[in-house]
């Protein structure tokens, strides 16, 4: 069971907003042998708390396998140039709750 976020700010854009849980390794790939072999169940459940616009942006820019293989940490997500452009833009937007 996921804990409620300790912070009320998105881990990507740092805005205070309603947050959703983003699995760093998408649940869609958890059953694949490659992921079951290399990750513990606890590692597969790791994630970050992000606002709705950032969560949509993550999944709009990358498919689940790309997220699982290349963007499976907060640092990797932040270092993605396309997502970084979104983060810069969304930081300037008014929060809608």
PDB file of N, CA and C in Angstrom:
ATOM      1  N   UNK A   1       0.836  -1.185   0.000  1.00  0.00           N
ATOM      2  CA  UNK A   1       0.000   0.000   0.000  1.00  0.00           C
ATOM      3  C   UNK A   1       0.874   1.239   0.000  1.00  0.00           C
ATOM      4  N   UNK A   2       0.525   2.186  -0.852  1.00  0.00           N
ATOM      5  CA  UNK A   2       1.295   3.423  -0.956  1.00  0.00           C
ATOM      6  C   UNK A   2       0.930   4.366   0.177  1.00  0.00           C
ATOM      7  N   UNK A   3       1.936   5.021   0.710  1.00  0.00           N
ATOM      8  CA  UNK A   3       1.689   6.045   1.708  1.00  0.00           C
ATOM      9  C   UNK A   3       1.260   7.318   0.997  1.00  0.00           C
ATOM     10  N   UNK A   4       0.490   8.124   1.695  1.00  0.00           N
ATOM     11  CA  UNK A   4       0.178   9.454   1.180  1.00  0.00           C
ATOM     12  C   UNK A   4       1.493  10.227   1.124  1.00  0.00           C
ATOM     13  N   UNK A   5       1.610  11.138   0.196  1.00  0.00           N
ATOM     14  CA  UNK A   5       2.872  11.879   0.105  1.00  0.00           C
ATOM     15  C   UNK A   5       3.108  12.732   1.352  1.00  0.00           C
ATOM     16  N   UNK A   6       4.359  12.739   1.803  1.00  0.00           N
ATOM     17  CA  UNK A   6       4.697  13.572   2.950  1.00  0.00           C
ATOM     18  C   UNK A   6       4.649  15.041   2.551  1.00  0.00           C
ATOM     19  N   UNK A   7       5.088  15.308   1.338  1.00  0.00           N
ATOM     20  CA  UNK A   7       5.076  16.672   0.828  1.00  0.00           C
ATOM     21  C   UNK A   7       3.844  16.840  -0.042  1.00  0.00           C
ATOM     22  N   UNK A   8       3.373  18.020  -0.133  1.00  0.00           N
ATOM     23  CA  UNK A   8       2.216  18.292  -0.981  1.00  0.00           C
ATOM     24  C   UNK A   8       2.632  18.954  -2.289  1.00  0.00           C
ATOM     25  N   UNK A   9       3.909  18.815  -2.648  1.00  0.00           N
ATOM     26  CA  UNK A   9       4.416  19.413  -3.880  1.00  0.00           C
ATOM     27  C   UNK A   9       4.820  18.314  -4.858  1.00  0.00           C
ATOM     28  N   UNK A  10       4.576  18.570  -6.123  1.00  0.00           N
ATOM     29  CA  UNK A  10       4.967  17.651  -7.190  1.00  0.00           C
ATOM     30  C   UNK A  10       6.485  17.481  -7.166  1.00  0.00           C
ATOM     31  N   UNK A  11       6.936  16.251  -7.301  1.00  0.00           N
ATOM     32  CA  UNK A  11       8.371  15.986  -7.262  1.00  0.00           C
ATOM     33  C   UNK A  11       9.085  16.427  -8.536  1.00  0.00           C
ATOM     34  N   UNK A  12       8.329  16.746  -9.584  1.00  0.00           N
ATOM     35  CA  UNK A  12       8.948  17.248 -10.811  1.00  0.00           C
ATOM     36  C   UNK A  12       8.924  18.774 -10.869  1.00  0.00           C
ATOM     37  N   UNK A  13       7.740  19.355 -10.777  1.00  0.00           N
ATOM     38  CA  UNK A  13       7.628  20.809 -10.961  1.00  0.00           C
ATOM     39  C   UNK A  13       7.645  21.587  -9.650  1.00  0.00           C
ATOM     40  N   UNK A  14       7.541  20.894  -8.532  1.00  0.00           N
ATOM     41  CA  UNK A  14       7.569  21.492  -7.196  1.00  0.00           C
ATOM     42  C   UNK A  14       6.361  22.367  -6.878  1.00  0.00           C
ATOM     43  N   UNK A  15       5.298  22.288  -7.692  1.00  0.00           N
ATOM     44  CA  UNK A  15       4.087  23.054  -7.394  1.00  0.00           C
ATOM     45  C   UNK A  15       3.255  22.307  -6.364  1.00  0.00           C
ATOM     46  N   UNK A  16       2.593  23.055  -5.510  1.00  0.00           N
ATOM     47  CA  UNK A  16       1.667  22.465  -4.537  1.00  0.00           C
ATOM     48  C   UNK A  16       0.354  22.218  -5.273  1.00  0.00           C
ATOM     49  N   UNK A  17      -0.022  20.950  -5.386  1.00  0.00           N
ATOM     50  CA  UNK A  17      -1.215  20.581  -6.141  1.00  0.00           C
ATOM     51  C   UNK A  17      -1.675  19.200  -5.682  1.00  0.00           C
ATOM     52  N   UNK A  18      -2.823  18.768  -6.192  1.00  0.00           N
ATOM     53  CA  UNK A  18      -3.247  17.385  -5.964  1.00  0.00           C
ATOM     54  C   UNK A  18      -2.242  16.473  -6.651  1.00  0.00           C
ATOM     55  N   UNK A  19      -1.858  15.405  -5.972  1.00  0.00           N
ATOM     56  CA  UNK A  19      -0.807  14.550  -6.493  1.00  0.00           C
ATOM     57  C   UNK A  19      -1.313  13.155  -6.821  1.00  0.00           C
ATOM     58  N   UNK A  20      -0.662  12.533  -7.795  1.00  0.00           N
ATOM     59  CA  UNK A  20      -0.935  11.154  -8.162  1.00  0.00           C
ATOM     60  C   UNK A  20       0.380  10.382  -8.054  1.00  0.00           C
ATOM     61  N   UNK A  21       0.272   9.066  -7.884  1.00  0.00           N
ATOM     62  CA  UNK A  21       1.452   8.224  -7.746  1.00  0.00           C
ATOM     63  C   UNK A  21       1.869   7.712  -9.117  1.00  0.00           C
ATOM     64  N   UNK A  22       3.122   7.924  -9.467  1.00  0.00           N
ATOM     65  CA  UNK A  22       3.685   7.421 -10.726  1.00  0.00           C
ATOM     66  C   UNK A  22       4.682   6.319 -10.410  1.00  0.00           C
ATOM     67  N   UNK A  23       4.388   5.087 -10.855  1.00  0.00           N
ATOM     68  CA  UNK A  23       5.342   3.983 -10.701  1.00  0.00           C
ATOM     69  C   UNK A  23       6.542   4.258 -11.608  1.00  0.00           C
ATOM     70  N   UNK A  24       7.734   4.222 -11.056  1.00  0.00           N
ATOM     71  CA  UNK A  24       8.925   4.454 -11.867  1.00  0.00           C
ATOM     72  C   UNK A  24       9.119   3.340 -12.889  1.00  0.00           C
ATOM     73  N   UNK A  25       8.747   2.133 -12.537  1.00  0.00           N
ATOM     74  CA  UNK A  25       8.675   1.036 -13.508  1.00  0.00           C
ATOM     75  C   UNK A  25       7.189   0.753 -13.677  1.00  0.00           C
ATOM     76  N   UNK A  26       6.617   1.122 -14.822  1.00  0.00           N
ATOM     77  CA  UNK A  26       5.169   0.999 -15.001  1.00  0.00           C
ATOM     78  C   UNK A  26       4.636  -0.401 -14.708  1.00  0.00           C
ATOM     79  N   UNK A  27       3.466  -0.439 -14.099  1.00  0.00           N
ATOM     80  CA  UNK A  27       2.852  -1.718 -13.714  1.00  0.00           C
ATOM     81  C   UNK A  27       2.618  -2.633 -14.901  1.00  0.00           C
ATOM     82  N   UNK A  28       2.451  -2.061 -16.067  1.00  0.00           N
ATOM     83  CA  UNK A  28       2.184  -2.857 -17.265  1.00  0.00           C
ATOM     84  C   UNK A  28       3.319  -3.843 -17.568  1.00  0.00           C
ATOM     85  N   UNK A  29       4.545  -3.540 -17.148  1.00  0.00           N
ATOM     86  CA  UNK A  29       5.678  -4.416 -17.451  1.00  0.00           C
ATOM     87  C   UNK A  29       6.098  -5.285 -16.263  1.00  0.00           C
ATOM     88  N   UNK A  30       5.443  -5.156 -15.126  1.00  0.00           N
ATOM     89  CA  UNK A  30       5.842  -5.904 -13.927  1.00  0.00           C
ATOM     90  C   UNK A  30       5.814  -7.415 -14.128  1.00  0.00           C
ATOM     91  N   UNK A  31       4.928  -7.931 -14.941  1.00  0.00           N
ATOM     92  CA  UNK A  31       4.819  -9.384 -15.131  1.00  0.00           C
ATOM     93  C   UNK A  31       5.861  -9.955 -16.083  1.00  0.00           C
ATOM     94  N   UNK A  32       6.525  -9.107 -16.811  1.00  0.00           N
ATOM     95  CA  UNK A  32       7.523  -9.606 -17.765  1.00  0.00           C
ATOM     96  C   UNK A  32       8.704 -10.221 -17.007  1.00  0.00           C
ATOM     97  N   UNK A  33       9.208 -11.319 -17.538  1.00  0.00           N
ATOM     98  CA  UNK A  33      10.278 -12.074 -16.872  1.00  0.00           C
ATOM     99  C   UNK A  33      11.506 -11.201 -16.622  1.00  0.00           C
ATOM    100  N   UNK A  34      11.835 -10.359 -17.558  1.00  0.00           N
ATOM    101  CA  UNK A  34      13.016  -9.494 -17.426  1.00  0.00           C
ATOM    102  C   UNK A  34      12.948  -8.659 -16.153  1.00  0.00           C
ATOM    103  N   UNK A  35      11.786  -8.122 -15.850  1.00  0.00           N
ATOM    104  CA  UNK A  35      11.639  -7.255 -14.686  1.00  0.00           C
ATOM    105  C   UNK A  35      11.496  -8.060 -13.399  1.00  0.00           C
ATOM    106  N   UNK A  36      10.828  -9.202 -13.463  1.00  0.00           N
ATOM    107  CA  UNK A  36      10.719 -10.050 -12.279  1.00  0.00           C
ATOM    108  C   UNK A  36      12.079 -10.613 -11.879  1.00  0.00           C
ATOM    109  N   UNK A  37      12.932 -10.855 -12.859  1.00  0.00           N
ATOM    110  CA  UNK A  37      14.259 -11.420 -12.593  1.00  0.00           C
ATOM    111  C   UNK A  37      15.207 -10.382 -11.993  1.00  0.00           C
ATOM    112  N   UNK A  38      15.129  -9.140 -12.451  1.00  0.00           N
ATOM    113  CA  UNK A  38      16.100  -8.124 -12.057  1.00  0.00           C
ATOM    114  C   UNK A  38      15.641  -7.178 -10.950  1.00  0.00           C
ATOM    115  N   UNK A  39      14.379  -7.219 -10.586  1.00  0.00           N
ATOM    116  CA  UNK A  39      13.875  -6.287  -9.572  1.00  0.00           C
ATOM    117  C   UNK A  39      13.072  -7.043  -8.513  1.00  0.00           C
ATOM    118  N   UNK A  40      13.168  -6.590  -7.290  1.00  0.00           N
ATOM    119  CA  UNK A  40      12.362  -7.157  -6.217  1.00  0.00           C
ATOM    120  C   UNK A  40      10.954  -6.562  -6.307  1.00  0.00           C
ATOM    121  N   UNK A  41       9.972  -7.198  -5.682  1.00  0.00           N
ATOM    122  CA  UNK A  41       8.623  -6.613  -5.674  1.00  0.00           C
ATOM    123  C   UNK A  41       8.612  -5.193  -5.091  1.00  0.00           C
ATOM    124  N   UNK A  42       9.461  -4.948  -4.105  1.00  0.00           N
ATOM    125  CA  UNK A  42       9.535  -3.608  -3.511  1.00  0.00           C
ATOM    126  C   UNK A  42      10.069  -2.592  -4.515  1.00  0.00           C
ATOM    127  N   UNK A  43      11.075  -2.979  -5.291  1.00  0.00           N
ATOM    128  CA  UNK A  43      11.626  -2.073  -6.302  1.00  0.00           C
ATOM    129  C   UNK A  43      10.592  -1.769  -7.385  1.00  0.00           C
ATOM    130  N   UNK A  44       9.801  -2.770  -7.747  1.00  0.00           N
ATOM    131  CA  UNK A  44       8.775  -2.562  -8.771  1.00  0.00           C
ATOM    132  C   UNK A  44       7.690  -1.604  -8.285  1.00  0.00           C
ATOM    133  N   UNK A  45       7.503  -1.497  -6.983  1.00  0.00           N
ATOM    134  CA  UNK A  45       6.463  -0.621  -6.436  1.00  0.00           C
ATOM    135  C   UNK A  45       6.956   0.791  -6.144  1.00  0.00           C
ATOM    136  N   UNK A  46       8.228   1.071  -6.365  1.00  0.00           N
ATOM    137  CA  UNK A  46       8.747   2.407  -6.100  1.00  0.00           C
ATOM    138  C   UNK A  46       8.165   3.404  -7.079  1.00  0.00           C
ATOM    139  N   UNK A  47       7.977   4.608  -6.584  1.00  0.00           N
ATOM    140  CA  UNK A  47       7.427   5.635  -7.444  1.00  0.00           C
ATOM    141  C   UNK A  47       7.607   7.018  -6.862  1.00  0.00           C
ATOM    142  N   UNK A  48       7.022   7.983  -7.550  1.00  0.00           N
ATOM    143  CA  UNK A  48       7.100   9.377  -7.138  1.00  0.00           C
ATOM    144  C   UNK A  48       5.694   9.968  -7.155  1.00  0.00           C
ATOM    145  N   UNK A  49       5.510  11.038  -6.398  1.00  0.00           N
ATOM    146  CA  UNK A  49       4.236  11.746  -6.359  1.00  0.00           C
ATOM    147  C   UNK A  49       4.339  12.967  -7.258  1.00  0.00           C
ATOM    148  N   UNK A  50       3.472  13.018  -8.250  1.00  0.00           N
ATOM    149  CA  UNK A  50       3.496  14.115  -9.222  1.00  0.00           C
ATOM    150  C   UNK A  50       2.089  14.670  -9.427  1.00  0.00           C
ATOM    151  N   UNK A  51       2.032  15.907  -9.898  1.00  0.00           N
ATOM    152  CA  UNK A  51       0.733  16.514 -10.198  1.00  0.00           C
ATOM    153  C   UNK A  51       0.178  15.902 -11.492  1.00  0.00           C
ATOM    154  N   UNK A  52      -1.106  16.120 -11.730  1.00  0.00           N
ATOM    155  CA  UNK A  52      -1.742  15.547 -12.920  1.00  0.00           C
ATOM    156  C   UNK A  52      -1.070  15.996 -14.227  1.00  0.00           C
ATOM    157  N   UNK A  53      -0.784  17.295 -14.407  1.00  0.00           N
ATOM    158  CA  UNK A  53      -0.142  17.689 -15.673  1.00  0.00           C
ATOM    159  C   UNK A  53       1.215  17.009 -15.896  1.00  0.00           C
ATOM    160  N   UNK A  54       1.999  16.866 -14.849  1.00  0.00           N
ATOM    161  CA  UNK A  54       3.305  16.205 -15.009  1.00  0.00           C
ATOM    162  C   UNK A  54       3.127  14.713 -15.271  1.00  0.00           C
ATOM    163  N   UNK A  55       2.168  14.087 -14.611  1.00  0.00           N
ATOM    164  CA  UNK A  55       1.922  12.655 -14.827  1.00  0.00           C
ATOM    165  C   UNK A  55       1.485  12.410 -16.278  1.00  0.00           C
ATOM    166  N   UNK A  56       0.594  13.244 -16.769  1.00  0.00           N
ATOM    167  CA  UNK A  56       0.168  13.113 -18.171  1.00  0.00           C
ATOM    168  C   UNK A  56       1.339  13.333 -19.119  1.00  0.00           C
ATOM    169  N   UNK A  57       2.188  14.304 -18.805  1.00  0.00           N
ATOM    170  CA  UNK A  57       3.333  14.604 -19.666  1.00  0.00           C
ATOM    171  C   UNK A  57       4.301  13.429 -19.738  1.00  0.00           C
ATOM    172  N   UNK A  58       4.536  12.773 -18.620  1.00  0.00           N
ATOM    173  CA  UNK A  58       5.438  11.610 -18.602  1.00  0.00           C
ATOM    174  C   UNK A  58       4.924  10.549 -19.566  1.00  0.00           C
ATOM    175  N   UNK A  59       3.646  10.203 -19.461  1.00  0.00           N
ATOM    176  CA  UNK A  59       3.093   9.115 -20.275  1.00  0.00           C
ATOM    177  C   UNK A  59       2.822   9.532 -21.712  1.00  0.00           C
ATOM    178  N   UNK A  60       2.675  10.815 -21.942  1.00  0.00           N
ATOM    179  CA  UNK A  60       2.480  11.297 -23.316  1.00  0.00           C
ATOM    180  C   UNK A  60       3.787  11.215 -24.103  1.00  0.00           C
ATOM    181  N   UNK A  61       4.897  11.407 -23.434  1.00  0.00           N
ATOM    182  CA  UNK A  61       6.183  11.479 -24.109  1.00  0.00           C
ATOM    183  C   UNK A  61       6.868  10.119 -24.294  1.00  0.00           C
ATOM    184  N   UNK A  62       6.546   9.150 -23.438  1.00  0.00           N
ATOM    185  CA  UNK A  62       7.242   7.865 -23.505  1.00  0.00           C
ATOM    186  C   UNK A  62       6.287   6.707 -23.275  1.00  0.00           C
ATOM    187  N   UNK A  63       6.512   5.601 -23.997  1.00  0.00           N
ATOM    188  CA  UNK A  63       5.709   4.400 -23.757  1.00  0.00           C
ATOM    189  C   UNK A  63       6.218   3.701 -22.501  1.00  0.00           C
ATOM    190  N   UNK A  64       5.471   2.709 -22.045  1.00  0.00           N
ATOM    191  CA  UNK A  64       5.787   2.047 -20.780  1.00  0.00           C
ATOM    192  C   UNK A  64       7.153   1.368 -20.784  1.00  0.00           C
ATOM    193  N   UNK A  65       7.517   0.728 -21.884  1.00  0.00           N
ATOM    194  CA  UNK A  65       8.806   0.037 -21.930  1.00  0.00           C
ATOM    195  C   UNK A  65       9.964   1.032 -21.874  1.00  0.00           C
ATOM    196  N   UNK A  66       9.842   2.146 -22.561  1.00  0.00           N
ATOM    197  CA  UNK A  66      10.884   3.177 -22.510  1.00  0.00           C
ATOM    198  C   UNK A  66      11.012   3.731 -21.097  1.00  0.00           C
ATOM    199  N   UNK A  67       9.875   3.972 -20.454  1.00  0.00           N
ATOM    200  CA  UNK A  67       9.908   4.446 -19.073  1.00  0.00           C
ATOM    201  C   UNK A  67      10.600   3.425 -18.172  1.00  0.00           C
ATOM    202  N   UNK A  68      10.278   2.154 -18.344  1.00  0.00           N
ATOM    203  CA  UNK A  68      10.839   1.104 -17.495  1.00  0.00           C
ATOM    204  C   UNK A  68      12.342   0.936 -17.691  1.00  0.00           C
ATOM    205  N   UNK A  69      12.806   1.088 -18.913  1.00  0.00           N
ATOM    206  CA  UNK A  69      14.217   0.834 -19.207  1.00  0.00           C
ATOM    207  C   UNK A  69      15.106   2.072 -19.099  1.00  0.00           C
ATOM    208  N   UNK A  70      14.587   3.225 -19.501  1.00  0.00           N
ATOM    209  CA  UNK A  70      15.439   4.413 -19.592  1.00  0.00           C
ATOM    210  C   UNK A  70      15.113   5.510 -18.587  1.00  0.00           C
ATOM    211  N   UNK A  71      13.882   5.557 -18.108  1.00  0.00           N
ATOM    212  CA  UNK A  71      13.457   6.657 -17.237  1.00  0.00           C
ATOM    213  C   UNK A  71      12.837   6.116 -15.953  1.00  0.00           C
ATOM    214  N   UNK A  72      13.567   5.233 -15.263  1.00  0.00           N
ATOM    215  CA  UNK A  72      13.019   4.575 -14.076  1.00  0.00           C
ATOM    216  C   UNK A  72      13.532   5.168 -12.764  1.00  0.00           C
ATOM    217  N   UNK A  73      13.918   6.445 -12.805  1.00  0.00           N
ATOM    218  CA  UNK A  73      14.285   7.161 -11.582  1.00  0.00           C
ATOM    219  C   UNK A  73      13.888   8.623 -11.747  1.00  0.00           C
ATOM    220  N   UNK A  74      13.766   9.297 -10.631  1.00  0.00           N
ATOM    221  CA  UNK A  74      13.428  10.721 -10.663  1.00  0.00           C
ATOM    222  C   UNK A  74      14.494  11.505 -11.409  1.00  0.00           C
ATOM    223  N   UNK A  75      15.758  11.207 -11.161  1.00  0.00           N
ATOM    224  CA  UNK A  75      16.854  11.917 -11.836  1.00  0.00           C
ATOM    225  C   UNK A  75      16.808  11.730 -13.350  1.00  0.00           C
ATOM    226  N   UNK A  76      16.492  10.513 -13.791  1.00  0.00           N
ATOM    227  CA  UNK A  76      16.417  10.259 -15.234  1.00  0.00           C
ATOM    228  C   UNK A  76      15.246  11.010 -15.860  1.00  0.00           C
ATOM    229  N   UNK A  77      14.123  11.068 -15.166  1.00  0.00           N
ATOM    230  CA  UNK A  77      12.980  11.820 -15.680  1.00  0.00           C
ATOM    231  C   UNK A  77      13.314  13.303 -15.803  1.00  0.00           C
ATOM    232  N   UNK A  78      13.930  13.845 -14.776  1.00  0.00           N
ATOM    233  CA  UNK A  78      14.281  15.268 -14.788  1.00  0.00           C
ATOM    234  C   UNK A  78      15.299  15.577 -15.874  1.00  0.00           C
ATOM    235  N   UNK A  79      16.201  14.644 -16.167  1.00  0.00           N
ATOM    236  CA  UNK A  79      17.241  14.882 -17.172  1.00  0.00           C
ATOM    237  C   UNK A  79      16.739  14.750 -18.611  1.00  0.00           C
ATOM    238  N   UNK A  80      15.523  14.263 -18.798  1.00  0.00           N
ATOM    239  CA  UNK A  80      14.950  14.150 -20.147  1.00  0.00           C
ATOM    240  C   UNK A  80      14.662  15.555 -20.674  1.00  0.00           C
ATOM    241  N   UNK A  81      15.301  15.972 -21.788  1.00  0.00           N
ATOM    242  CA  UNK A  81      15.126  17.337 -22.289  1.00  0.00           C
ATOM    243  C   UNK A  81      13.676  17.692 -22.610  1.00  0.00           C
ATOM    244  N   UNK A  82      12.932  16.757 -23.180  1.00  0.00           N
ATOM    245  CA  UNK A  82      11.539  17.035 -23.531  1.00  0.00           C
ATOM    246  C   UNK A  82      10.693  17.246 -22.275  1.00  0.00           C
ATOM    247  N   UNK A  83      10.891  16.415 -21.278  1.00  0.00           N
ATOM    248  CA  UNK A  83      10.154  16.557 -20.030  1.00  0.00           C
ATOM    249  C   UNK A  83      10.620  17.805 -19.269  1.00  0.00           C
ATOM    250  N   UNK A  84      11.900  18.122 -19.361  1.00  0.00           N
ATOM    251  CA  UNK A  84      12.416  19.338 -18.719  1.00  0.00           C
ATOM    252  C   UNK A  84      11.730  20.582 -19.292  1.00  0.00           C
ATOM    253  N   UNK A  85      11.472  20.576 -20.582  1.00  0.00           N
ATOM    254  CA  UNK A  85      10.762  21.702 -21.199  1.00  0.00           C
ATOM    255  C   UNK A  85       9.345  21.801 -20.645  1.00  0.00           C
ATOM    256  N   UNK A  86       8.700  20.662 -20.461  1.00  0.00           N
ATOM    257  CA  UNK A  86       7.361  20.655 -19.866  1.00  0.00           C
ATOM    258  C   UNK A  86       7.419  21.200 -18.435  1.00  0.00           C
ATOM    259  N   UNK A  87       8.380  20.758 -17.658  1.00  0.00           N
ATOM    260  CA  UNK A  87       8.498  21.193 -16.266  1.00  0.00           C
ATOM    261  C   UNK A  87       8.685  22.711 -16.204  1.00  0.00           C
ATOM    262  N   UNK A  88       9.537  23.245 -17.058  1.00  0.00           N
ATOM    263  CA  UNK A  88       9.748  24.691 -17.107  1.00  0.00           C
ATOM    264  C   UNK A  88       8.446  25.409 -17.412  1.00  0.00           C
ATOM    265  N   UNK A  89       7.690  24.883 -18.367  1.00  0.00           N
ATOM    266  CA  UNK A  89       6.421  25.505 -18.746  1.00  0.00           C
ATOM    267  C   UNK A  89       5.391  25.397 -17.616  1.00  0.00           C
ATOM    268  N   UNK A  90       5.224  24.210 -17.043  1.00  0.00           N
ATOM    269  CA  UNK A  90       4.159  23.986 -16.064  1.00  0.00           C
ATOM    270  C   UNK A  90       4.414  24.747 -14.767  1.00  0.00           C
ATOM    271  N   UNK A  91       5.676  25.022 -14.439  1.00  0.00           N
ATOM    272  CA  UNK A  91       5.988  25.798 -13.236  1.00  0.00           C
ATOM    273  C   UNK A  91       5.359  27.193 -13.296  1.00  0.00           C
ATOM    274  N   UNK A  92       5.134  27.695 -14.498  1.00  0.00           N
ATOM    275  CA  UNK A  92       4.576  29.038 -14.680  1.00  0.00           C
ATOM    276  C   UNK A  92       3.056  29.040 -14.698  1.00  0.00           C
ATOM    277  N   UNK A  93       2.442  27.852 -14.676  1.00  0.00           N
ATOM    278  CA  UNK A  93       0.990  27.750 -14.784  1.00  0.00           C
ATOM    279  C   UNK A  93       0.339  27.834 -13.413  1.00  0.00           C
ATOM    280  N   UNK A  94      -0.872  28.345 -13.417  1.00  0.00           N
ATOM    281  CA  UNK A  94      -1.650  28.434 -12.187  1.00  0.00           C
ATOM    282  C   UNK A  94      -2.126  27.019 -11.819  1.00  0.00           C
ATOM    283  N   UNK A  95      -2.049  26.691 -10.547  1.00  0.00           N
ATOM    284  CA  UNK A  95      -2.497  25.377 -10.066  1.00  0.00           C
ATOM    285  C   UNK A  95      -4.007  25.365 -10.026  1.00  0.00           C
ATOM    286  N   UNK A  96      -4.596  24.316 -10.614  1.00  0.00           N
ATOM    287  CA  UNK A  96      -6.047  24.144 -10.583  1.00  0.00           C
ATOM    288  C   UNK A  96      -6.357  22.910  -9.733  1.00  0.00           C
ATOM    289  N   UNK A  97      -7.083  23.100  -8.666  1.00  0.00           N
ATOM    290  CA  UNK A  97      -7.394  21.977  -7.779  1.00  0.00           C
ATOM    291  C   UNK A  97      -8.795  21.470  -8.028  1.00  0.00           C
TER     292      UNK A  97
END
